[in-house]
Amino acid sequence: MPTFVDLTTRSGIEEKERKLLANLSAMGRVIVAFSGGTDSAYLAWAANRALGANAVAITADSASLPESHKRDAEAFVERFGIVHEYVATQEFDNPDYVRNGPDRCFHCKDELFTRLEAVGASAATSTSSTESTWTTWAITARARTPRLRIR
């Protein structure tokens, strides 16, 4: 059974952050799906604090990402010294995304995570076996746990 943290006090919030940093540290290396929004920005900051260069924030670079959002994301990672990369995504090639239905966000995230899996696998094959684990985190309304672990 999960333990709940009291978020009504400063000490409760600090306890929750300590748990997050400990969990991230235990992962060793992470890829954060970084949209530039509040949730993923906080996770990128926390991962950087816990893991330094072993945490990489990756942003989907596509026609659906406005230039202003890219500038905001770049300013954030620069301010906090977060390793940041872009990965090209092609969600507009998917008719289910272009249809603009209620599941559009699913198709966009699916495209992003397909690309992030490739990034993680590529990094895993280019490092020694003791350094080859990458955990990819998604911050969405439905996915707040690690999606994959590549060995």
C-alpha atoms as a PDB file:
ATOM      1  CA  MET A   1       0.000   0.000   0.000  1.00  0.00           C
ATOM      2  CA  PRO A   2       1.430   3.412  -0.920  1.00  0.00           C
ATOM      3  CA  THR A   3       2.257   5.830   1.816  1.00  0.00           C
ATOM      4  CA  PHE A   4       0.755   9.260   1.534  1.00  0.00           C
ATOM      5  CA  VAL A   5       2.706  12.408   2.247  1.00  0.00           C
ATOM      6  CA  ASP A   6       1.104  15.384   3.919  1.00  0.00           C
ATOM      7  CA  LEU A   7       1.326  18.235   1.421  1.00  0.00           C
ATOM      8  CA  THR A   8      -0.212  20.794   3.739  1.00  0.00           C
ATOM      9  CA  THR A   9       3.055  21.506   5.531  1.00  0.00           C
ATOM     10  CA  ARG A  10       6.495  22.574   4.361  1.00  0.00           C
ATOM     11  CA  SER A  11       8.021  19.483   5.969  1.00  0.00           C
ATOM     12  CA  GLY A  12       5.543  17.258   4.101  1.00  0.00           C
ATOM     13  CA  ILE A  13       6.466  18.815   0.783  1.00  0.00           C
ATOM     14  CA  GLU A  14      10.188  18.527   1.565  1.00  0.00           C
ATOM     15  CA  GLU A  15       9.693  14.867   2.482  1.00  0.00           C
ATOM     16  CA  LYS A  16       7.991  14.195  -0.838  1.00  0.00           C
ATOM     17  CA  GLU A  17      10.831  15.902  -2.706  1.00  0.00           C
ATOM     18  CA  ARG A  18      13.429  13.870  -0.782  1.00  0.00           C
ATOM     19  CA  LYS A  19      11.605  10.681  -1.828  1.00  0.00           C
ATOM     20  CA  LEU A  20      11.527  11.800  -5.451  1.00  0.00           C
ATOM     21  CA  LEU A  21      15.253  12.609  -5.451  1.00  0.00           C
ATOM     22  CA  ALA A  22      16.048   9.265  -3.795  1.00  0.00           C
ATOM     23  CA  ASN A  23      13.965   7.370  -6.367  1.00  0.00           C
ATOM     24  CA  LEU A  24      15.644   9.209  -9.236  1.00  0.00           C
ATOM     25  CA  SER A  25      19.106   8.606  -7.764  1.00  0.00           C
ATOM     26  CA  ALA A  26      18.369   4.888  -7.518  1.00  0.00           C
ATOM     27  CA  MET A  27      17.623   4.771 -11.259  1.00  0.00           C
ATOM     28  CA  GLY A  28      21.173   5.778 -12.163  1.00  0.00           C
ATOM     29  CA  ARG A  29      20.331   7.310 -15.550  1.00  0.00           C
ATOM     30  CA  VAL A  30      17.079   8.770 -16.828  1.00  0.00           C
ATOM     31  CA  ILE A  31      15.572  10.328 -19.900  1.00  0.00           C
ATOM     32  CA  VAL A  32      12.865  12.844 -19.045  1.00  0.00           C
ATOM     33  CA  ALA A  33      10.223  13.516 -21.679  1.00  0.00           C
ATOM     34  CA  PHE A  34      10.449  17.303 -21.384  1.00  0.00           C
ATOM     35  CA  SER A  35       7.573  19.265 -22.873  1.00  0.00           C
ATOM     36  CA  GLY A  36       8.571  22.460 -21.125  1.00  0.00           C
ATOM     37  CA  GLY A  37       5.392  22.372 -19.045  1.00  0.00           C
ATOM     38  CA  THR A  38       5.316  22.587 -15.265  1.00  0.00           C
ATOM     39  CA  ASP A  39       5.302  18.849 -14.510  1.00  0.00           C
ATOM     40  CA  SER A  40       8.090  17.859 -16.859  1.00  0.00           C
ATOM     41  CA  ALA A  41      10.136  20.961 -15.962  1.00  0.00           C
ATOM     42  CA  TYR A  42      10.024  20.030 -12.293  1.00  0.00           C
ATOM     43  CA  LEU A  43      10.942  16.421 -13.075  1.00  0.00           C
ATOM     44  CA  ALA A  44      13.832  17.534 -15.328  1.00  0.00           C
ATOM     45  CA  TRP A  45      15.075  19.834 -12.556  1.00  0.00           C
ATOM     46  CA  ALA A  46      14.788  17.072  -9.938  1.00  0.00           C
ATOM     47  CA  ALA A  47      16.463  14.487 -12.183  1.00  0.00           C
ATOM     48  CA  ASN A  48      19.302  16.904 -12.848  1.00  0.00           C
ATOM     49  CA  ARG A  49      19.667  17.584  -9.142  1.00  0.00           C
ATOM     50  CA  ALA A  50      19.720  13.852  -8.361  1.00  0.00           C
ATOM     51  CA  LEU A  51      21.794  12.586 -11.297  1.00  0.00           C
ATOM     52  CA  GLY A  52      23.543  15.512 -12.972  1.00  0.00           C
ATOM     53  CA  ALA A  53      24.654  14.599 -16.496  1.00  0.00           C
ATOM     54  CA  ASN A  54      23.059  11.153 -16.114  1.00  0.00           C
ATOM     55  CA  ALA A  55      19.697  12.858 -16.541  1.00  0.00           C
ATOM     56  CA  VAL A  56      18.786  14.035 -20.022  1.00  0.00           C
ATOM     57  CA  ALA A  57      15.703  16.096 -20.792  1.00  0.00           C
ATOM     58  CA  ILE A  58      14.478  15.394 -24.313  1.00  0.00           C
ATOM     59  CA  THR A  59      11.909  17.500 -26.126  1.00  0.00           C
ATOM     60  CA  ALA A  60       9.902  16.412 -29.155  1.00  0.00           C
ATOM     61  CA  ASP A  61      10.807  18.631 -32.102  1.00  0.00           C
ATOM     62  CA  SER A  62       7.875  18.721 -34.472  1.00  0.00           C
ATOM     63  CA  ALA A  63       5.578  21.046 -36.351  1.00  0.00           C
ATOM     64  CA  SER A  64       3.232  20.941 -33.356  1.00  0.00           C
ATOM     65  CA  LEU A  65       5.836  22.602 -31.073  1.00  0.00           C
ATOM     66  CA  PRO A  66       5.717  26.393 -31.360  1.00  0.00           C
ATOM     67  CA  GLU A  67       9.051  28.213 -31.508  1.00  0.00           C
ATOM     68  CA  SER A  68       8.059  30.171 -28.393  1.00  0.00           C
ATOM     69  CA  HIS A  69       7.768  26.898 -26.447  1.00  0.00           C
ATOM     70  CA  LYS A  70      11.216  25.868 -27.653  1.00  0.00           C
ATOM     71  CA  ARG A  71      12.664  29.166 -26.465  1.00  0.00           C
ATOM     72  CA  ASP A  72      10.994  28.771 -23.063  1.00  0.00           C
ATOM     73  CA  ALA A  73      12.277  25.190 -22.711  1.00  0.00           C
ATOM     74  CA  GLU A  74      15.792  26.212 -23.713  1.00  0.00           C
ATOM     75  CA  ALA A  75      15.803  29.105 -21.243  1.00  0.00           C
ATOM     76  CA  PHE A  76      14.719  26.775 -18.442  1.00  0.00           C
ATOM     77  CA  VAL A  77      17.363  24.121 -19.064  1.00  0.00           C
ATOM     78  CA  GLU A  78      20.054  26.761 -19.484  1.00  0.00           C
ATOM     79  CA  ARG A  79      19.104  28.421 -16.215  1.00  0.00           C
ATOM     80  CA  PHE A  80      19.379  25.147 -14.286  1.00  0.00           C
ATOM     81  CA  GLY A  81      22.226  23.497 -16.218  1.00  0.00           C
ATOM     82  CA  ILE A  82      20.108  20.585 -17.421  1.00  0.00           C
ATOM     83  CA  VAL A  83      21.370  18.391 -20.278  1.00  0.00           C
ATOM     84  CA  HIS A  84      18.810  18.883 -23.053  1.00  0.00           C
ATOM     85  CA  GLU A  85      18.297  17.404 -26.477  1.00  0.00           C
ATOM     86  CA  TYR A  86      15.621  17.379 -29.141  1.00  0.00           C
ATOM     87  CA  VAL A  87      14.314  14.339 -30.932  1.00  0.00           C
ATOM     88  CA  ALA A  88      12.418  14.689 -34.210  1.00  0.00           C
ATOM     89  CA  THR A  89       8.901  13.315 -34.073  1.00  0.00           C
ATOM     90  CA  GLN A  90       6.544  12.702 -36.962  1.00  0.00           C
ATOM     91  CA  GLU A  91       3.086  12.625 -35.386  1.00  0.00           C
ATOM     92  CA  PHE A  92       1.638  14.411 -38.430  1.00  0.00           C
ATOM     93  CA  ASP A  93       2.422  11.281 -40.454  1.00  0.00           C
ATOM     94  CA  ASN A  94      -0.106   9.386 -38.311  1.00  0.00           C
ATOM     95  CA  PRO A  95      -3.683   9.763 -39.608  1.00  0.00           C
ATOM     96  CA  ASP A  96      -5.016   9.057 -36.105  1.00  0.00           C
ATOM     97  CA  TYR A  97      -3.173  12.136 -34.818  1.00  0.00           C
ATOM     98  CA  VAL A  98      -4.170  14.321 -37.765  1.00  0.00           C
ATOM     99  CA  ARG A  99      -7.830  13.318 -37.288  1.00  0.00           C
ATOM    100  CA  ASN A 100      -7.638  15.475 -34.122  1.00  0.00           C
ATOM    101  CA  GLY A 101      -9.902  13.164 -32.134  1.00  0.00           C
ATOM    102  CA  PRO A 102     -10.133  12.953 -28.351  1.00  0.00           C
ATOM    103  CA  ASP A 103      -7.228  10.462 -28.346  1.00  0.00           C
ATOM    104  CA  ARG A 104      -4.852  12.810 -30.212  1.00  0.00           C
ATOM    105  CA  CYS A 105      -2.616  13.240 -27.161  1.00  0.00           C
ATOM    106  CA  PHE A 106      -2.185   9.470 -26.936  1.00  0.00           C
ATOM    107  CA  HIS A 107      -0.870   9.335 -30.507  1.00  0.00           C
ATOM    108  CA  CYS A 108       1.500  12.239 -29.910  1.00  0.00           C
ATOM    109  CA  LYS A 109       2.877  10.618 -26.725  1.00  0.00           C
ATOM    110  CA  ASP A 110       3.128   7.244 -28.463  1.00  0.00           C
ATOM    111  CA  GLU A 111       5.234   8.828 -31.211  1.00  0.00           C
ATOM    112  CA  LEU A 112       7.423  10.571 -28.658  1.00  0.00           C
ATOM    113  CA  PHE A 113       8.019   7.429 -26.611  1.00  0.00           C
ATOM    114  CA  THR A 114       8.782   5.406 -29.706  1.00  0.00           C
ATOM    115  CA  ARG A 115      11.536   7.940 -30.455  1.00  0.00           C
ATOM    116  CA  LEU A 116      12.745   8.013 -26.833  1.00  0.00           C
ATOM    117  CA  GLU A 117      12.970   4.216 -26.772  1.00  0.00           C
ATOM    118  CA  ALA A 118      15.278   4.447 -29.791  1.00  0.00           C
ATOM    119  CA  VAL A 119      17.391   7.112 -28.069  1.00  0.00           C
ATOM    120  CA  GLY A 120      17.657   4.970 -24.927  1.00  0.00           C
ATOM    121  CA  ALA A 121      18.491   1.842 -26.918  1.00  0.00           C
ATOM    122  CA  SER A 122      21.132   3.710 -28.915  1.00  0.00           C
ATOM    123  CA  ALA A 123      22.715   5.037 -25.725  1.00  0.00           C
ATOM    124  CA  ALA A 124      22.602   1.569 -24.192  1.00  0.00           C
ATOM    125  CA  THR A 125      24.457  -0.002 -27.108  1.00  0.00           C
ATOM    126  CA  SER A 126      27.099   2.713 -27.115  1.00  0.00           C
ATOM    127  CA  THR A 127      28.071   2.302 -23.443  1.00  0.00           C
ATOM    128  CA  SER A 128      29.430  -0.480 -21.292  1.00  0.00           C
ATOM    129  CA  SER A 129      26.913  -2.930 -19.855  1.00  0.00           C
ATOM    130  CA  THR A 130      27.283  -1.441 -16.376  1.00  0.00           C
ATOM    131  CA  GLU A 131      26.166   1.960 -17.696  1.00  0.00           C
ATOM    132  CA  SER A 132      23.487   0.862 -20.106  1.00  0.00           C
ATOM    133  CA  THR A 133      20.263   1.305 -18.165  1.00  0.00           C
ATOM    134  CA  TRP A 134      18.122   4.268 -19.144  1.00  0.00           C
ATOM    135  CA  THR A 135      14.714   4.829 -17.627  1.00  0.00           C
ATOM    136  CA  THR A 136      12.272   6.988 -19.526  1.00  0.00           C
ATOM    137  CA  TRP A 137       9.639   8.923 -17.615  1.00  0.00           C
ATOM    138  CA  ALA A 138       6.458  10.370 -19.020  1.00  0.00           C
ATOM    139  CA  ILE A 139       4.590  13.146 -17.373  1.00  0.00           C
ATOM    140  CA  THR A 140       1.027  12.964 -18.573  1.00  0.00           C
ATOM    141  CA  ALA A 141      -2.300  12.655 -16.852  1.00  0.00           C
ATOM    142  CA  ARG A 142      -2.193   8.875 -17.301  1.00  0.00           C
ATOM    143  CA  ALA A 143       1.495   7.980 -17.037  1.00  0.00           C
ATOM    144  CA  ARG A 144       3.347   9.075 -13.930  1.00  0.00           C
ATOM    145  CA  THR A 145       5.542   5.996 -13.649  1.00  0.00           C
ATOM    146  CA  PRO A 146       8.537   4.766 -15.650  1.00  0.00           C
ATOM    147  CA  ARG A 147       7.419   3.487 -19.040  1.00  0.00           C
ATOM    148  CA  LEU A 148      10.455   1.479 -20.006  1.00  0.00           C
ATOM    149  CA  ARG A 149      13.761   0.231 -18.856  1.00  0.00           C
ATOM    150  CA  ILE A 150      16.304  -0.600 -21.543  1.00  0.00           C
ATOM    151  CA  ARG A 151      19.215  -2.881 -20.701  1.00  0.00           C
END
